[in-house]
Amino acid sequence: MGLRPRVPSITEWRRWAMRDRVNLDALAARPELASELAAPELAQVMAQVAAVSAAVASRLAEEPKPATEPEPVPAQWLTPEEAAAITGLSRRSVYCRSRSKEWAPFVHRVSRKCLRIEEGGLRRWMAVKAAVG
């Protein structure tokens, strides 16, 4: 009787099949395959990981930083006379509109006889009015 050739185990078959196909795509899809790799194959995978990591790091280093939001401009407060000149309304109309709900967000009554209008809010209101018609 002759000697029977040894039949490789399933794990050995997988290793042989993976030997030529060890790559990050396969391991990313099935991370459990890493436990079946021999030390030289693991070293090959680690080299690939290091190469990808270095490439990603260099790409991120050359990426321009996103622009930060501009600092908010301090509010410019107008007198009723200045607001009237900008809007083309009379001074009296500015005082009347200052009591309306649509002007409430940008109007501030400092005292009973002192009214201030935020320029940015007034210009936004004018833009909306111009857009509406």
N, C-alpha and C. Protein backbone atom coordinates (compact mmCIF):
# COMPACT_ATOMS: atom_id res chain seq x y z
N MET A 1 0.82 -1.17 0.00
CA MET A 1 0.00 0.00 0.00
C MET A 1 0.87 1.24 0.00
N GLY A 2 0.48 2.16 -0.87
CA GLY A 2 1.26 3.38 -0.93
C GLY A 2 0.76 4.44 0.05
N LEU A 3 1.55 5.42 0.18
CA LEU A 3 1.17 6.53 1.06
C LEU A 3 0.14 7.43 0.36
N ARG A 4 -0.85 7.76 1.11
CA ARG A 4 -1.85 8.67 0.57
C ARG A 4 -1.36 10.11 0.73
N PRO A 5 -1.57 10.92 -0.30
CA PRO A 5 -1.16 12.31 -0.15
C PRO A 5 -2.04 13.02 0.88
N ARG A 6 -1.41 13.91 1.58
CA ARG A 6 -2.13 14.65 2.62
C ARG A 6 -3.09 15.63 1.96
N VAL A 7 -4.33 15.67 2.43
CA VAL A 7 -5.34 16.58 1.91
C VAL A 7 -5.33 17.86 2.77
N PRO A 8 -5.18 19.00 2.12
CA PRO A 8 -5.15 20.23 2.90
C PRO A 8 -6.51 20.50 3.56
N SER A 9 -6.43 21.14 4.70
CA SER A 9 -7.67 21.49 5.40
C SER A 9 -8.34 22.69 4.72
N ILE A 10 -9.56 22.97 5.14
CA ILE A 10 -10.31 24.10 4.58
C ILE A 10 -9.56 25.40 4.83
N THR A 11 -9.02 25.55 6.04
CA THR A 11 -8.29 26.77 6.39
C THR A 11 -7.09 26.93 5.47
N GLU A 12 -6.38 25.84 5.20
CA GLU A 12 -5.22 25.93 4.30
C GLU A 12 -5.66 26.31 2.89
N TRP A 13 -6.78 25.75 2.44
CA TRP A 13 -7.29 26.13 1.13
C TRP A 13 -7.61 27.62 1.08
N ARG A 14 -8.22 28.13 2.13
CA ARG A 14 -8.55 29.56 2.18
C ARG A 14 -7.28 30.41 2.14
N ARG A 15 -6.27 29.98 2.90
CA ARG A 15 -5.01 30.73 2.91
C ARG A 15 -4.39 30.74 1.52
N TRP A 16 -4.38 29.60 0.84
CA TRP A 16 -3.81 29.54 -0.49
C TRP A 16 -4.59 30.44 -1.45
N ALA A 17 -5.90 30.42 -1.30
CA ALA A 17 -6.73 31.25 -2.17
C ALA A 17 -6.51 32.74 -1.88
N MET A 18 -6.31 33.05 -0.61
CA MET A 18 -6.14 34.46 -0.22
C MET A 18 -4.72 34.96 -0.44
N ARG A 19 -3.78 34.06 -0.61
CA ARG A 19 -2.38 34.44 -0.68
C ARG A 19 -2.15 35.50 -1.76
N ASP A 20 -2.74 35.31 -2.91
CA ASP A 20 -2.55 36.25 -4.02
C ASP A 20 -3.54 37.40 -3.98
N ARG A 21 -4.53 37.32 -3.12
CA ARG A 21 -5.59 38.33 -3.11
C ARG A 21 -5.67 39.10 -1.80
N VAL A 22 -4.61 39.14 -1.02
CA VAL A 22 -4.65 39.88 0.24
C VAL A 22 -4.68 41.36 -0.09
N ASN A 23 -5.79 41.98 0.22
CA ASN A 23 -5.90 43.42 -0.01
C ASN A 23 -6.87 44.02 0.99
N LEU A 24 -6.87 45.33 1.02
CA LEU A 24 -7.71 46.03 1.99
C LEU A 24 -9.19 45.93 1.66
N ASP A 25 -9.52 45.84 0.38
CA ASP A 25 -10.93 45.73 0.01
C ASP A 25 -11.55 44.45 0.58
N ALA A 26 -10.82 43.35 0.45
CA ALA A 26 -11.34 42.08 0.95
C ALA A 26 -11.49 42.12 2.48
N LEU A 27 -10.48 42.68 3.14
CA LEU A 27 -10.54 42.74 4.60
C LEU A 27 -11.59 43.73 5.10
N ALA A 28 -11.80 44.80 4.35
CA ALA A 28 -12.83 45.75 4.75
C ALA A 28 -14.21 45.12 4.64
N ALA A 29 -14.38 44.31 3.61
CA ALA A 29 -15.67 43.65 3.42
C ALA A 29 -15.89 42.55 4.45
N ARG A 30 -14.82 41.84 4.79
CA ARG A 30 -14.93 40.73 5.75
C ARG A 30 -13.75 40.77 6.72
N PRO A 31 -13.83 41.57 7.77
CA PRO A 31 -12.71 41.71 8.72
C PRO A 31 -12.32 40.40 9.39
N GLU A 32 -13.23 39.45 9.49
CA GLU A 32 -12.90 38.18 10.15
C GLU A 32 -11.85 37.40 9.37
N LEU A 33 -11.59 37.75 8.12
CA LEU A 33 -10.56 37.06 7.34
C LEU A 33 -9.16 37.32 7.89
N ALA A 34 -8.98 38.39 8.63
CA ALA A 34 -7.66 38.70 9.19
C ALA A 34 -7.19 37.62 10.13
N SER A 35 -8.10 36.94 10.79
CA SER A 35 -7.69 35.86 11.71
C SER A 35 -7.16 34.65 10.97
N GLU A 36 -7.44 34.55 9.68
CA GLU A 36 -6.98 33.40 8.90
C GLU A 36 -5.68 33.67 8.16
N LEU A 37 -5.15 34.88 8.26
CA LEU A 37 -3.92 35.22 7.53
C LEU A 37 -2.69 34.85 8.32
N ALA A 38 -1.66 34.44 7.61
CA ALA A 38 -0.37 34.12 8.23
C ALA A 38 0.38 35.43 8.47
N ALA A 39 1.45 35.36 9.24
CA ALA A 39 2.22 36.55 9.62
C ALA A 39 2.72 37.33 8.40
N PRO A 40 3.29 36.69 7.36
CA PRO A 40 3.74 37.49 6.21
C PRO A 40 2.60 38.21 5.50
N GLU A 41 1.45 37.58 5.44
CA GLU A 41 0.30 38.21 4.81
C GLU A 41 -0.20 39.39 5.65
N LEU A 42 -0.16 39.22 6.97
CA LEU A 42 -0.56 40.32 7.85
C LEU A 42 0.40 41.50 7.71
N ALA A 43 1.69 41.19 7.54
CA ALA A 43 2.67 42.25 7.34
C ALA A 43 2.39 43.00 6.03
N GLN A 44 1.98 42.25 5.00
CA GLN A 44 1.63 42.87 3.72
C GLN A 44 0.43 43.80 3.89
N VAL A 45 -0.57 43.36 4.64
CA VAL A 45 -1.77 44.17 4.88
C VAL A 45 -1.39 45.42 5.67
N MET A 46 -0.54 45.26 6.67
CA MET A 46 -0.13 46.43 7.47
C MET A 46 0.62 47.44 6.60
N ALA A 47 1.42 46.97 5.65
CA ALA A 47 2.13 47.88 4.74
C ALA A 47 1.12 48.64 3.88
N GLN A 48 0.09 47.95 3.42
CA GLN A 48 -0.94 48.61 2.63
C GLN A 48 -1.68 49.66 3.46
N VAL A 49 -1.99 49.31 4.70
CA VAL A 49 -2.68 50.25 5.60
C VAL A 49 -1.81 51.49 5.82
N ALA A 50 -0.51 51.29 6.04
CA ALA A 50 0.39 52.42 6.27
C ALA A 50 0.47 53.31 5.03
N ALA A 51 0.50 52.70 3.84
CA ALA A 51 0.56 53.49 2.61
C ALA A 51 -0.70 54.31 2.41
N VAL A 52 -1.85 53.69 2.65
CA VAL A 52 -3.11 54.42 2.51
C VAL A 52 -3.21 55.53 3.54
N SER A 53 -2.79 55.24 4.76
CA SER A 53 -2.85 56.23 5.83
C SER A 53 -1.97 57.44 5.49
N ALA A 54 -0.76 57.19 4.97
CA ALA A 54 0.14 58.28 4.61
C ALA A 54 -0.44 59.11 3.47
N ALA A 55 -1.04 58.45 2.49
CA ALA A 55 -1.63 59.17 1.36
C ALA A 55 -2.80 60.05 1.82
N VAL A 56 -3.65 59.51 2.69
CA VAL A 56 -4.79 60.27 3.19
C VAL A 56 -4.31 61.45 4.03
N ALA A 57 -3.31 61.23 4.88
CA ALA A 57 -2.80 62.31 5.73
C ALA A 57 -2.19 63.43 4.89
N SER A 58 -1.45 63.08 3.84
CA SER A 58 -0.86 64.13 3.01
C SER A 58 -1.93 64.90 2.25
N ARG A 59 -2.97 64.20 1.82
CA ARG A 59 -4.06 64.87 1.10
C ARG A 59 -4.81 65.83 2.02
N LEU A 60 -5.03 65.40 3.27
CA LEU A 60 -5.70 66.27 4.22
C LEU A 60 -4.85 67.47 4.58
N ALA A 61 -3.53 67.29 4.60
CA ALA A 61 -2.64 68.39 4.94
C ALA A 61 -2.66 69.48 3.87
N GLU A 62 -2.83 69.10 2.62
CA GLU A 62 -2.84 70.09 1.55
C GLU A 62 -4.22 70.69 1.30
N GLU A 63 -5.24 70.13 1.90
CA GLU A 63 -6.61 70.63 1.75
C GLU A 63 -6.71 72.01 2.41
N PRO A 64 -7.24 73.01 1.69
CA PRO A 64 -7.39 74.32 2.33
C PRO A 64 -8.40 74.25 3.46
N LYS A 65 -8.11 74.98 4.49
CA LYS A 65 -9.01 75.00 5.64
C LYS A 65 -10.30 75.72 5.26
N PRO A 66 -11.44 75.21 5.76
CA PRO A 66 -12.70 75.89 5.43
C PRO A 66 -12.72 77.30 6.00
N ALA A 67 -13.31 78.17 5.24
CA ALA A 67 -13.39 79.56 5.69
C ALA A 67 -14.31 79.64 6.91
N THR A 68 -13.84 80.37 7.88
CA THR A 68 -14.66 80.57 9.07
C THR A 68 -15.69 81.63 8.76
N GLU A 69 -16.76 81.59 9.49
CA GLU A 69 -17.80 82.59 9.28
C GLU A 69 -17.27 83.97 9.64
N PRO A 70 -17.63 84.96 8.86
CA PRO A 70 -17.14 86.31 9.18
C PRO A 70 -17.71 86.77 10.51
N GLU A 71 -16.92 87.58 11.15
CA GLU A 71 -17.37 88.11 12.44
C GLU A 71 -18.60 88.99 12.21
N PRO A 72 -19.59 88.88 13.09
CA PRO A 72 -20.78 89.70 12.89
C PRO A 72 -20.44 91.18 13.04
N VAL A 73 -21.02 91.94 12.14
CA VAL A 73 -20.82 93.39 12.18
C VAL A 73 -21.71 93.95 13.27
N PRO A 74 -21.16 94.83 14.11
CA PRO A 74 -22.01 95.40 15.16
C PRO A 74 -23.17 96.16 14.52
N ALA A 75 -24.28 96.12 15.20
CA ALA A 75 -25.49 96.76 14.68
C ALA A 75 -25.28 98.27 14.57
N GLN A 76 -25.72 98.81 13.44
CA GLN A 76 -25.67 100.25 13.22
C GLN A 76 -27.07 100.78 13.49
N TRP A 77 -27.19 101.63 14.48
CA TRP A 77 -28.50 102.16 14.86
C TRP A 77 -28.71 103.52 14.21
N LEU A 78 -29.89 103.68 13.62
CA LEU A 78 -30.24 104.92 12.92
C LEU A 78 -31.26 105.72 13.72
N THR A 79 -31.22 107.01 13.53
CA THR A 79 -32.27 107.88 14.09
C THR A 79 -33.46 107.83 13.14
N PRO A 80 -34.62 108.24 13.58
CA PRO A 80 -35.78 108.27 12.68
C PRO A 80 -35.53 109.13 11.43
N GLU A 81 -34.78 110.21 11.57
CA GLU A 81 -34.48 111.07 10.43
C GLU A 81 -33.62 110.32 9.40
N GLU A 82 -32.62 109.60 9.88
CA GLU A 82 -31.76 108.82 8.98
C GLU A 82 -32.55 107.70 8.31
N ALA A 83 -33.43 107.03 9.08
CA ALA A 83 -34.26 105.97 8.51
C ALA A 83 -35.21 106.53 7.47
N ALA A 84 -35.73 107.72 7.70
CA ALA A 84 -36.63 108.35 6.73
C ALA A 84 -35.89 108.65 5.44
N ALA A 85 -34.63 109.11 5.55
CA ALA A 85 -33.84 109.42 4.35
C ALA A 85 -33.55 108.14 3.55
N ILE A 86 -33.29 107.04 4.22
CA ILE A 86 -32.99 105.77 3.54
C ILE A 86 -34.23 105.21 2.86
N THR A 87 -35.34 105.22 3.56
CA THR A 87 -36.56 104.58 3.03
C THR A 87 -37.36 105.48 2.10
N GLY A 88 -37.15 106.76 2.20
CA GLY A 88 -37.95 107.68 1.39
C GLY A 88 -39.28 108.01 2.05
N LEU A 89 -39.47 107.56 3.28
CA LEU A 89 -40.69 107.87 4.03
C LEU A 89 -40.50 109.18 4.79
N SER A 90 -41.58 109.72 5.27
CA SER A 90 -41.48 110.90 6.12
C SER A 90 -41.08 110.46 7.53
N ARG A 91 -40.60 111.43 8.31
CA ARG A 91 -40.21 111.14 9.69
C ARG A 91 -41.41 110.61 10.47
N ARG A 92 -42.56 111.20 10.23
CA ARG A 92 -43.78 110.79 10.92
C ARG A 92 -44.15 109.35 10.56
N SER A 93 -43.99 108.96 9.27
CA SER A 93 -44.29 107.59 8.85
C SER A 93 -43.35 106.58 9.52
N VAL A 94 -42.09 106.97 9.71
CA VAL A 94 -41.13 106.09 10.40
C VAL A 94 -41.60 105.86 11.83
N TYR A 95 -42.03 106.90 12.51
CA TYR A 95 -42.53 106.74 13.88
C TYR A 95 -43.78 105.86 13.90
N CYS A 96 -44.68 106.04 12.93
CA CYS A 96 -45.90 105.22 12.88
C CYS A 96 -45.55 103.75 12.62
N ARG A 97 -44.66 103.51 11.67
CA ARG A 97 -44.30 102.12 11.35
C ARG A 97 -43.51 101.46 12.48
N SER A 98 -42.86 102.26 13.30
CA SER A 98 -42.07 101.69 14.40
C SER A 98 -42.96 100.93 15.40
N ARG A 99 -44.25 101.24 15.38
CA ARG A 99 -45.19 100.55 16.27
C ARG A 99 -45.76 99.29 15.64
N SER A 100 -45.47 99.04 14.36
CA SER A 100 -46.04 97.87 13.67
C SER A 100 -45.26 96.60 14.01
N LYS A 101 -45.93 95.46 13.82
CA LYS A 101 -45.30 94.18 14.13
C LYS A 101 -44.15 93.86 13.18
N GLU A 102 -44.26 94.30 11.91
CA GLU A 102 -43.21 93.96 10.96
C GLU A 102 -41.92 94.74 11.22
N TRP A 103 -41.99 95.85 11.91
CA TRP A 103 -40.79 96.61 12.26
C TRP A 103 -40.29 96.27 13.67
N ALA A 104 -41.07 95.56 14.44
CA ALA A 104 -40.71 95.28 15.84
C ALA A 104 -39.33 94.63 16.02
N PRO A 105 -38.90 93.69 15.15
CA PRO A 105 -37.60 93.05 15.38
C PRO A 105 -36.40 93.98 15.28
N PHE A 106 -36.52 95.09 14.57
CA PHE A 106 -35.34 95.95 14.40
C PHE A 106 -35.54 97.38 14.91
N VAL A 107 -36.56 97.59 15.70
CA VAL A 107 -36.80 98.91 16.30
C VAL A 107 -36.60 98.81 17.80
N HIS A 108 -35.92 99.80 18.35
CA HIS A 108 -35.69 99.83 19.80
C HIS A 108 -36.03 101.23 20.32
N ARG A 109 -36.96 101.24 21.27
CA ARG A 109 -37.32 102.50 21.91
C ARG A 109 -36.44 102.66 23.14
N VAL A 110 -35.48 103.56 23.05
CA VAL A 110 -34.55 103.80 24.15
C VAL A 110 -35.29 104.47 25.31
N SER A 111 -36.11 105.42 25.00
CA SER A 111 -36.95 106.07 26.00
C SER A 111 -38.23 106.54 25.31
N ARG A 112 -39.05 107.26 26.05
CA ARG A 112 -40.33 107.69 25.48
C ARG A 112 -40.12 108.59 24.27
N LYS A 113 -39.04 109.35 24.27
CA LYS A 113 -38.79 110.30 23.19
C LYS A 113 -37.60 109.94 22.30
N CYS A 114 -37.06 108.75 22.49
CA CYS A 114 -35.86 108.37 21.73
C CYS A 114 -36.10 107.02 21.05
N LEU A 115 -36.04 107.02 19.73
CA LEU A 115 -36.28 105.82 18.93
C LEU A 115 -35.04 105.53 18.09
N ARG A 116 -34.65 104.25 18.02
CA ARG A 116 -33.53 103.86 17.18
C ARG A 116 -33.95 102.67 16.32
N ILE A 117 -33.49 102.68 15.05
CA ILE A 117 -33.82 101.62 14.10
C ILE A 117 -32.52 100.97 13.63
N GLU A 118 -32.50 99.63 13.68
CA GLU A 118 -31.30 98.91 13.24
C GLU A 118 -31.24 98.95 11.72
N GLU A 119 -30.10 99.39 11.20
CA GLU A 119 -29.96 99.58 9.75
C GLU A 119 -30.09 98.26 8.98
N GLY A 120 -29.47 97.20 9.46
CA GLY A 120 -29.55 95.90 8.78
C GLY A 120 -30.98 95.40 8.65
N GLY A 121 -31.73 95.49 9.73
CA GLY A 121 -33.12 95.07 9.72
C GLY A 121 -33.97 95.92 8.80
N LEU A 122 -33.71 97.22 8.80
CA LEU A 122 -34.46 98.12 7.93
C LEU A 122 -34.19 97.80 6.46
N ARG A 123 -32.93 97.53 6.14
CA ARG A 123 -32.58 97.22 4.75
C ARG A 123 -33.18 95.86 4.32
N ARG A 124 -33.20 94.89 5.24
CA ARG A 124 -33.86 93.61 4.93
C ARG A 124 -35.35 93.81 4.67
N TRP A 125 -35.99 94.65 5.49
CA TRP A 125 -37.41 94.94 5.31
C TRP A 125 -37.65 95.59 3.96
N MET A 126 -36.76 96.51 3.58
CA MET A 126 -36.88 97.19 2.28
C MET A 126 -36.72 96.19 1.13
N ALA A 127 -35.79 95.24 1.28
CA ALA A 127 -35.56 94.23 0.24
C ALA A 127 -36.79 93.35 0.06
N VAL A 128 -37.39 92.96 1.18
CA VAL A 128 -38.61 92.13 1.11
C VAL A 128 -39.74 92.91 0.46
N LYS A 129 -39.89 94.17 0.84
CA LYS A 129 -40.95 95.00 0.24
C LYS A 129 -40.72 95.19 -1.26
N ALA A 130 -39.47 95.35 -1.67
CA ALA A 130 -39.17 95.51 -3.09
C ALA A 130 -39.43 94.22 -3.86
N ALA A 131 -39.14 93.07 -3.23
CA ALA A 131 -39.36 91.77 -3.88
C ALA A 131 -40.84 91.48 -4.03
N VAL A 132 -41.62 91.84 -3.02
CA VAL A 132 -43.06 91.57 -3.04
C VAL A 132 -43.73 92.45 -4.08
N GLY A 133 -43.26 93.67 -4.20
CA GLY A 133 -43.84 94.53 -5.22
C GLY A 133 -44.39 95.73 -4.68
